[in-house]
């Protein structure tokens, strides 16, 4: 499992394909809202999980990957 950057273009396409009420559409809306407040946030995916935020440092990335692994094991 790895941390993947999700480009704005990919996120828009995913949101359009999944529909207005989809997770991807909500993520895009949150990302745009954060950027409107002058935050330099981006979209990322770890496995099937999405999140927005600033570019993570190495420690944060490792913690996100460990969390995703734990969630996957619990499923």
PDB file of N, CA and C in Angstrom:
ATOM      1  N   UNK A   1       0.854  -1.165   0.000  1.00  0.00           N
ATOM      2  CA  UNK A   1       0.000   0.000   0.000  1.00  0.00           C
ATOM      3  C   UNK A   1       0.900   1.227   0.000  1.00  0.00           C
ATOM      4  N   UNK A   2       0.470   2.266  -0.704  1.00  0.00           N
ATOM      5  CA  UNK A   2       1.270   3.480  -0.772  1.00  0.00           C
ATOM      6  C   UNK A   2       0.373   4.715  -0.725  1.00  0.00           C
ATOM      7  N   UNK A   3       0.992   5.825  -0.440  1.00  0.00           N
ATOM      8  CA  UNK A   3       0.313   7.115  -0.442  1.00  0.00           C
ATOM      9  C   UNK A   3       0.380   7.656  -1.857  1.00  0.00           C
ATOM     10  N   UNK A   4      -0.770   7.959  -2.435  1.00  0.00           N
ATOM     11  CA  UNK A   4      -0.815   8.437  -3.816  1.00  0.00           C
ATOM     12  C   UNK A   4      -1.399   9.844  -3.864  1.00  0.00           C
ATOM     13  N   UNK A   5      -0.744  10.723  -4.590  1.00  0.00           N
ATOM     14  CA  UNK A   5      -1.277  12.050  -4.864  1.00  0.00           C
ATOM     15  C   UNK A   5      -2.396  11.888  -5.878  1.00  0.00           C
ATOM     16  N   UNK A   6      -3.516  12.580  -5.654  1.00  0.00           N
ATOM     17  CA  UNK A   6      -4.633  12.564  -6.597  1.00  0.00           C
ATOM     18  C   UNK A   6      -4.709  13.951  -7.214  1.00  0.00           C
ATOM     19  N   UNK A   7      -4.443  14.037  -8.518  1.00  0.00           N
ATOM     20  CA  UNK A   7      -4.450  15.345  -9.182  1.00  0.00           C
ATOM     21  C   UNK A   7      -5.861  15.926  -9.191  1.00  0.00           C
ATOM     22  N   UNK A   8      -5.935  17.240  -9.325  1.00  0.00           N
ATOM     23  CA  UNK A   8      -7.236  17.903  -9.401  1.00  0.00           C
ATOM     24  C   UNK A   8      -8.045  17.370 -10.576  1.00  0.00           C
ATOM     25  N   UNK A   9      -7.382  17.152 -11.708  1.00  0.00           N
ATOM     26  CA  UNK A   9      -8.074  16.652 -12.896  1.00  0.00           C
ATOM     27  C   UNK A   9      -8.662  15.269 -12.639  1.00  0.00           C
ATOM     28  N   UNK A  10      -7.883  14.407 -12.005  1.00  0.00           N
ATOM     29  CA  UNK A  10      -8.382  13.060 -11.689  1.00  0.00           C
ATOM     30  C   UNK A  10      -9.546  13.118 -10.708  1.00  0.00           C
ATOM     31  N   UNK A  11      -9.436  13.990  -9.721  1.00  0.00           N
ATOM     32  CA  UNK A  11     -10.500  14.108  -8.729  1.00  0.00           C
ATOM     33  C   UNK A  11     -11.787  14.629  -9.360  1.00  0.00           C
ATOM     34  N   UNK A  12     -11.674  15.600 -10.252  1.00  0.00           N
ATOM     35  CA  UNK A  12     -12.859  16.112 -10.958  1.00  0.00           C
ATOM     36  C   UNK A  12     -13.495  14.998 -11.770  1.00  0.00           C
ATOM     37  N   UNK A  13     -12.676  14.235 -12.478  1.00  0.00           N
ATOM     38  CA  UNK A  13     -13.203  13.134 -13.294  1.00  0.00           C
ATOM     39  C   UNK A  13     -13.876  12.075 -12.422  1.00  0.00           C
ATOM     40  N   UNK A  14     -13.237  11.705 -11.317  1.00  0.00           N
ATOM     41  CA  UNK A  14     -13.833  10.723 -10.413  1.00  0.00           C
ATOM     42  C   UNK A  14     -15.160  11.220  -9.851  1.00  0.00           C
ATOM     43  N   UNK A  15     -15.213  12.502  -9.482  1.00  0.00           N
ATOM     44  CA  UNK A  15     -16.440  13.088  -8.934  1.00  0.00           C
ATOM     45  C   UNK A  15     -17.550  13.093  -9.975  1.00  0.00           C
ATOM     46  N   UNK A  16     -17.209  13.425 -11.217  1.00  0.00           N
ATOM     47  CA  UNK A  16     -18.220  13.433 -12.278  1.00  0.00           C
ATOM     48  C   UNK A  16     -18.751  12.025 -12.546  1.00  0.00           C
ATOM     49  N   UNK A  17     -17.860  11.050 -12.538  1.00  0.00           N
ATOM     50  CA  UNK A  17     -18.262   9.661 -12.798  1.00  0.00           C
ATOM     51  C   UNK A  17     -19.101   9.095 -11.658  1.00  0.00           C
ATOM     52  N   UNK A  18     -18.748   9.427 -10.427  1.00  0.00           N
ATOM     53  CA  UNK A  18     -19.418   8.846  -9.266  1.00  0.00           C
ATOM     54  C   UNK A  18     -20.714   9.564  -8.912  1.00  0.00           C
ATOM     55  N   UNK A  19     -20.853  10.800  -9.318  1.00  0.00           N
ATOM     56  CA  UNK A  19     -22.099  11.516  -9.053  1.00  0.00           C
ATOM     57  C   UNK A  19     -21.970  12.558  -7.959  1.00  0.00           C
ATOM     58  N   UNK A  20     -22.995  13.387  -7.898  1.00  0.00           N
ATOM     59  CA  UNK A  20     -23.027  14.560  -7.032  1.00  0.00           C
ATOM     60  C   UNK A  20     -22.855  14.271  -5.549  1.00  0.00           C
ATOM     61  N   UNK A  21     -23.442  13.209  -5.049  1.00  0.00           N
ATOM     62  CA  UNK A  21     -23.384  12.911  -3.624  1.00  0.00           C
ATOM     63  C   UNK A  21     -22.266  11.959  -3.229  1.00  0.00           C
ATOM     64  N   UNK A  22     -21.378  11.672  -4.151  1.00  0.00           N
ATOM     65  CA  UNK A  22     -20.328  10.685  -3.906  1.00  0.00           C
ATOM     66  C   UNK A  22     -19.247  11.213  -2.974  1.00  0.00           C
ATOM     67  N   UNK A  23     -18.477  10.295  -2.447  1.00  0.00           N
ATOM     68  CA  UNK A  23     -17.333  10.637  -1.615  1.00  0.00           C
ATOM     69  C   UNK A  23     -16.356  11.522  -2.381  1.00  0.00           C
ATOM     70  N   UNK A  24     -16.132  11.190  -3.644  1.00  0.00           N
ATOM     71  CA  UNK A  24     -15.209  11.956  -4.460  1.00  0.00           C
ATOM     72  C   UNK A  24     -15.696  13.390  -4.649  1.00  0.00           C
ATOM     73  N   UNK A  25     -16.995  13.567  -4.858  1.00  0.00           N
ATOM     74  CA  UNK A  25     -17.560  14.914  -5.007  1.00  0.00           C
ATOM     75  C   UNK A  25     -17.449  15.697  -3.701  1.00  0.00           C
ATOM     76  N   UNK A  26     -17.675  15.035  -2.580  1.00  0.00           N
ATOM     77  CA  UNK A  26     -17.537  15.694  -1.277  1.00  0.00           C
ATOM     78  C   UNK A  26     -16.086  16.073  -1.008  1.00  0.00           C
ATOM     79  N   UNK A  27     -15.173  15.207  -1.389  1.00  0.00           N
ATOM     80  CA  UNK A  27     -13.747  15.485  -1.226  1.00  0.00           C
ATOM     81  C   UNK A  27     -13.338  16.695  -2.068  1.00  0.00           C
ATOM     82  N   UNK A  28     -13.817  16.762  -3.295  1.00  0.00           N
ATOM     83  CA  UNK A  28     -13.520  17.888  -4.168  1.00  0.00           C
ATOM     84  C   UNK A  28     -14.072  19.186  -3.588  1.00  0.00           C
ATOM     85  N   UNK A  29     -15.270  19.135  -3.055  1.00  0.00           N
ATOM     86  CA  UNK A  29     -15.875  20.315  -2.435  1.00  0.00           C
ATOM     87  C   UNK A  29     -15.053  20.778  -1.221  1.00  0.00           C
ATOM     88  N   UNK A  30     -14.629  19.837  -0.391  1.00  0.00           N
ATOM     89  CA  UNK A  30     -13.818  20.183   0.782  1.00  0.00           C
ATOM     90  C   UNK A  30     -12.476  20.767   0.362  1.00  0.00           C
ATOM     91  N   UNK A  31     -11.874  20.200  -0.658  1.00  0.00           N
ATOM     92  CA  UNK A  31     -10.592  20.689  -1.153  1.00  0.00           C
ATOM     93  C   UNK A  31     -10.727  22.119  -1.662  1.00  0.00           C
ATOM     94  N   UNK A  32     -11.754  22.377  -2.416  1.00  0.00           N
ATOM     95  CA  UNK A  32     -11.973  23.738  -2.935  1.00  0.00           C
ATOM     96  C   UNK A  32     -12.254  24.722  -1.812  1.00  0.00           C
ATOM     97  N   UNK A  33     -12.987  24.284  -0.803  1.00  0.00           N
ATOM     98  CA  UNK A  33     -13.277  25.141   0.348  1.00  0.00           C
ATOM     99  C   UNK A  33     -11.993  25.490   1.100  1.00  0.00           C
ATOM    100  N   UNK A  34     -11.141  24.491   1.310  1.00  0.00           N
ATOM    101  CA  UNK A  34      -9.866  24.724   1.995  1.00  0.00           C
ATOM    102  C   UNK A  34      -8.995  25.699   1.207  1.00  0.00           C
ATOM    103  N   UNK A  35      -8.957  25.525  -0.089  1.00  0.00           N
ATOM    104  CA  UNK A  35      -8.146  26.410  -0.923  1.00  0.00           C
ATOM    105  C   UNK A  35      -8.707  27.825  -0.954  1.00  0.00           C
ATOM    106  N   UNK A  36     -10.009  27.961  -0.838  1.00  0.00           N
ATOM    107  CA  UNK A  36     -10.620  29.296  -0.794  1.00  0.00           C
ATOM    108  C   UNK A  36     -10.173  30.053   0.453  1.00  0.00           C
ATOM    109  N   UNK A  37      -9.807  29.313   1.493  1.00  0.00           N
ATOM    110  CA  UNK A  37      -9.291  29.930   2.721  1.00  0.00           C
ATOM    111  C   UNK A  37      -7.774  30.049   2.672  1.00  0.00           C
ATOM    112  N   UNK A  38      -7.219  29.924   1.467  1.00  0.00           N
ATOM    113  CA  UNK A  38      -5.795  30.113   1.198  1.00  0.00           C
ATOM    114  C   UNK A  38      -4.911  29.013   1.786  1.00  0.00           C
ATOM    115  N   UNK A  39      -5.479  27.832   1.992  1.00  0.00           N
ATOM    116  CA  UNK A  39      -4.678  26.680   2.418  1.00  0.00           C
ATOM    117  C   UNK A  39      -4.109  26.009   1.173  1.00  0.00           C
ATOM    118  N   UNK A  40      -2.886  25.597   1.245  1.00  0.00           N
ATOM    119  CA  UNK A  40      -2.283  24.867   0.132  1.00  0.00           C
ATOM    120  C   UNK A  40      -2.478  23.375   0.379  1.00  0.00           C
ATOM    121  N   UNK A  41      -3.699  22.924   0.126  1.00  0.00           N
ATOM    122  CA  UNK A  41      -4.067  21.540   0.372  1.00  0.00           C
ATOM    123  C   UNK A  41      -4.155  20.770  -0.937  1.00  0.00           C
ATOM    124  N   UNK A  42      -3.986  19.475  -0.815  1.00  0.00           N
ATOM    125  CA  UNK A  42      -4.017  18.571  -1.949  1.00  0.00           C
ATOM    126  C   UNK A  42      -4.847  17.346  -1.570  1.00  0.00           C
ATOM    127  N   UNK A  43      -5.189  16.544  -2.563  1.00  0.00           N
ATOM    128  CA  UNK A  43      -5.925  15.300  -2.316  1.00  0.00           C
ATOM    129  C   UNK A  43      -4.955  14.127  -2.419  1.00  0.00           C
ATOM    130  N   UNK A  44      -5.158  13.161  -1.517  1.00  0.00           N
ATOM    131  CA  UNK A  44      -4.318  11.967  -1.478  1.00  0.00           C
ATOM    132  C   UNK A  44      -5.205  10.744  -1.278  1.00  0.00           C
ATOM    133  N   UNK A  45      -4.651   9.590  -1.644  1.00  0.00           N
ATOM    134  CA  UNK A  45      -5.366   8.335  -1.431  1.00  0.00           C
ATOM    135  C   UNK A  45      -4.386   7.328  -0.849  1.00  0.00           C
ATOM    136  N   UNK A  46      -4.861   6.593   0.141  1.00  0.00           N
ATOM    137  CA  UNK A  46      -4.128   5.455   0.694  1.00  0.00           C
ATOM    138  C   UNK A  46      -5.078   4.276   0.575  1.00  0.00           C
ATOM    139  N   UNK A  47      -4.776   3.377  -0.341  1.00  0.00           N
ATOM    140  CA  UNK A  47      -5.690   2.266  -0.586  1.00  0.00           C
ATOM    141  C   UNK A  47      -7.016   2.810  -1.095  1.00  0.00           C
ATOM    142  N   UNK A  48      -8.080   2.514  -0.391  1.00  0.00           N
ATOM    143  CA  UNK A  48      -9.406   3.006  -0.797  1.00  0.00           C
ATOM    144  C   UNK A  48      -9.824   4.260  -0.024  1.00  0.00           C
ATOM    145  N   UNK A  49      -8.932   4.803   0.783  1.00  0.00           N
ATOM    146  CA  UNK A  49      -9.243   5.953   1.631  1.00  0.00           C
ATOM    147  C   UNK A  49      -8.665   7.234   1.052  1.00  0.00           C
ATOM    148  N   UNK A  50      -9.488   8.283   1.033  1.00  0.00           N
ATOM    149  CA  UNK A  50      -9.082   9.593   0.543  1.00  0.00           C
ATOM    150  C   UNK A  50      -8.950  10.566   1.703  1.00  0.00           C
ATOM    151  N   UNK A  51      -8.107  11.573   1.531  1.00  0.00           N
ATOM    152  CA  UNK A  51      -8.048  12.673   2.474  1.00  0.00           C
ATOM    153  C   UNK A  51      -7.458  13.889   1.792  1.00  0.00           C
ATOM    154  N   UNK A  52      -7.682  15.048   2.377  1.00  0.00           N
ATOM    155  CA  UNK A  52      -7.086  16.288   1.894  1.00  0.00           C
ATOM    156  C   UNK A  52      -6.228  16.874   2.996  1.00  0.00           C
ATOM    157  N   UNK A  53      -5.251  17.631   2.584  1.00  0.00           N
ATOM    158  CA  UNK A  53      -4.400  18.304   3.549  1.00  0.00           C
ATOM    159  C   UNK A  53      -3.127  18.763   2.889  1.00  0.00           C
ATOM    160  N   UNK A  54      -2.248  19.339   3.686  1.00  0.00           N
ATOM    161  CA  UNK A  54      -0.959  19.750   3.132  1.00  0.00           C
ATOM    162  C   UNK A  54      -0.134  18.520   2.775  1.00  0.00           C
ATOM    163  N   UNK A  55       0.862  18.705   1.955  1.00  0.00           N
ATOM    164  CA  UNK A  55       1.729  17.588   1.598  1.00  0.00           C
ATOM    165  C   UNK A  55       2.345  17.012   2.875  1.00  0.00           C
ATOM    166  N   UNK A  56       2.177  15.726   3.112  1.00  0.00           N
ATOM    167  CA  UNK A  56       2.666  15.135   4.361  1.00  0.00           C
ATOM    168  C   UNK A  56       4.189  14.978   4.367  1.00  0.00           C
ATOM    169  N   UNK A  57       4.759  15.091   5.547  1.00  0.00           N
ATOM    170  CA  UNK A  57       6.178  14.784   5.691  1.00  0.00           C
ATOM    171  C   UNK A  57       6.319  13.267   5.828  1.00  0.00           C
ATOM    172  N   UNK A  58       7.542  12.788   5.919  1.00  0.00           N
ATOM    173  CA  UNK A  58       7.786  11.338   5.952  1.00  0.00           C
ATOM    174  C   UNK A  58       7.121  10.670   7.147  1.00  0.00           C
ATOM    175  N   UNK A  59       7.149  11.321   8.297  1.00  0.00           N
ATOM    176  CA  UNK A  59       6.551  10.721   9.500  1.00  0.00           C
ATOM    177  C   UNK A  59       5.034  10.603   9.349  1.00  0.00           C
ATOM    178  N   UNK A  60       4.395  11.670   8.868  1.00  0.00           N
ATOM    179  CA  UNK A  60       2.940  11.649   8.685  1.00  0.00           C
ATOM    180  C   UNK A  60       2.546  10.596   7.659  1.00  0.00           C
ATOM    181  N   UNK A  61       3.320  10.494   6.583  1.00  0.00           N
ATOM    182  CA  UNK A  61       3.036   9.488   5.568  1.00  0.00           C
ATOM    183  C   UNK A  61       3.118   8.082   6.161  1.00  0.00           C
ATOM    184  N   UNK A  62       4.136   7.814   6.951  1.00  0.00           N
ATOM    185  CA  UNK A  62       4.282   6.500   7.587  1.00  0.00           C
ATOM    186  C   UNK A  62       3.113   6.215   8.528  1.00  0.00           C
ATOM    187  N   UNK A  63       2.675   7.222   9.271  1.00  0.00           N
ATOM    188  CA  UNK A  63       1.545   7.048  10.179  1.00  0.00           C
ATOM    189  C   UNK A  63       0.254   6.774   9.418  1.00  0.00           C
ATOM    190  N   UNK A  64       0.041   7.458   8.297  1.00  0.00           N
ATOM    191  CA  UNK A  64      -1.150   7.221   7.482  1.00  0.00           C
ATOM    192  C   UNK A  64      -1.149   5.803   6.912  1.00  0.00           C
ATOM    193  N   UNK A  65       0.007   5.349   6.453  1.00  0.00           N
ATOM    194  CA  UNK A  65       0.099   3.993   5.913  1.00  0.00           C
ATOM    195  C   UNK A  65      -0.153   2.951   6.999  1.00  0.00           C
ATOM    196  N   UNK A  66       0.376   3.183   8.189  1.00  0.00           N
ATOM    197  CA  UNK A  66       0.147   2.256   9.298  1.00  0.00           C
ATOM    198  C   UNK A  66      -1.328   2.234   9.687  1.00  0.00           C
ATOM    199  N   UNK A  67      -1.957   3.392   9.719  1.00  0.00           N
ATOM    200  CA  UNK A  67      -3.383   3.472  10.039  1.00  0.00           C
ATOM    201  C   UNK A  67      -4.215   2.742   8.998  1.00  0.00           C
ATOM    202  N   UNK A  68      -3.891   2.941   7.731  1.00  0.00           N
ATOM    203  CA  UNK A  68      -4.629   2.246   6.658  1.00  0.00           C
ATOM    204  C   UNK A  68      -4.475   0.737   6.785  1.00  0.00           C
ATOM    205  N   UNK A  69      -3.271   0.283   7.127  1.00  0.00           N
ATOM    206  CA  UNK A  69      -3.060  -1.150   7.328  1.00  0.00           C
ATOM    207  C   UNK A  69      -3.896  -1.690   8.480  1.00  0.00           C
ATOM    208  N   UNK A  70      -3.972  -0.944   9.574  1.00  0.00           N
ATOM    209  CA  UNK A  70      -4.773  -1.364  10.717  1.00  0.00           C
ATOM    210  C   UNK A  70      -6.257  -1.427  10.380  1.00  0.00           C
ATOM    211  N   UNK A  71      -6.737  -0.443   9.647  1.00  0.00           N
ATOM    212  CA  UNK A  71      -8.149  -0.423   9.248  1.00  0.00           C
ATOM    213  C   UNK A  71      -8.442  -1.604   8.335  1.00  0.00           C
ATOM    214  N   UNK A  72      -7.526  -1.888   7.431  1.00  0.00           N
ATOM    215  CA  UNK A  72      -7.713  -3.013   6.507  1.00  0.00           C
ATOM    216  C   UNK A  72      -7.742  -4.333   7.259  1.00  0.00           C
ATOM    217  N   UNK A  73      -6.883  -4.489   8.254  1.00  0.00           N
ATOM    218  CA  UNK A  73      -6.865  -5.713   9.054  1.00  0.00           C
ATOM    219  C   UNK A  73      -8.145  -5.876   9.866  1.00  0.00           C
ATOM    220  N   UNK A  74      -8.701  -4.761  10.315  1.00  0.00           N
ATOM    221  CA  UNK A  74      -9.915  -4.809  11.138  1.00  0.00           C
ATOM    222  C   UNK A  74     -11.161  -5.100  10.301  1.00  0.00           C
ATOM    223  N   UNK A  75     -11.070  -4.903   9.001  1.00  0.00           N
ATOM    224  CA  UNK A  75     -12.251  -5.105   8.121  1.00  0.00           C
ATOM    225  C   UNK A  75     -12.536  -6.555   7.879  1.00  0.00           C
TER     226      UNK A  75
END
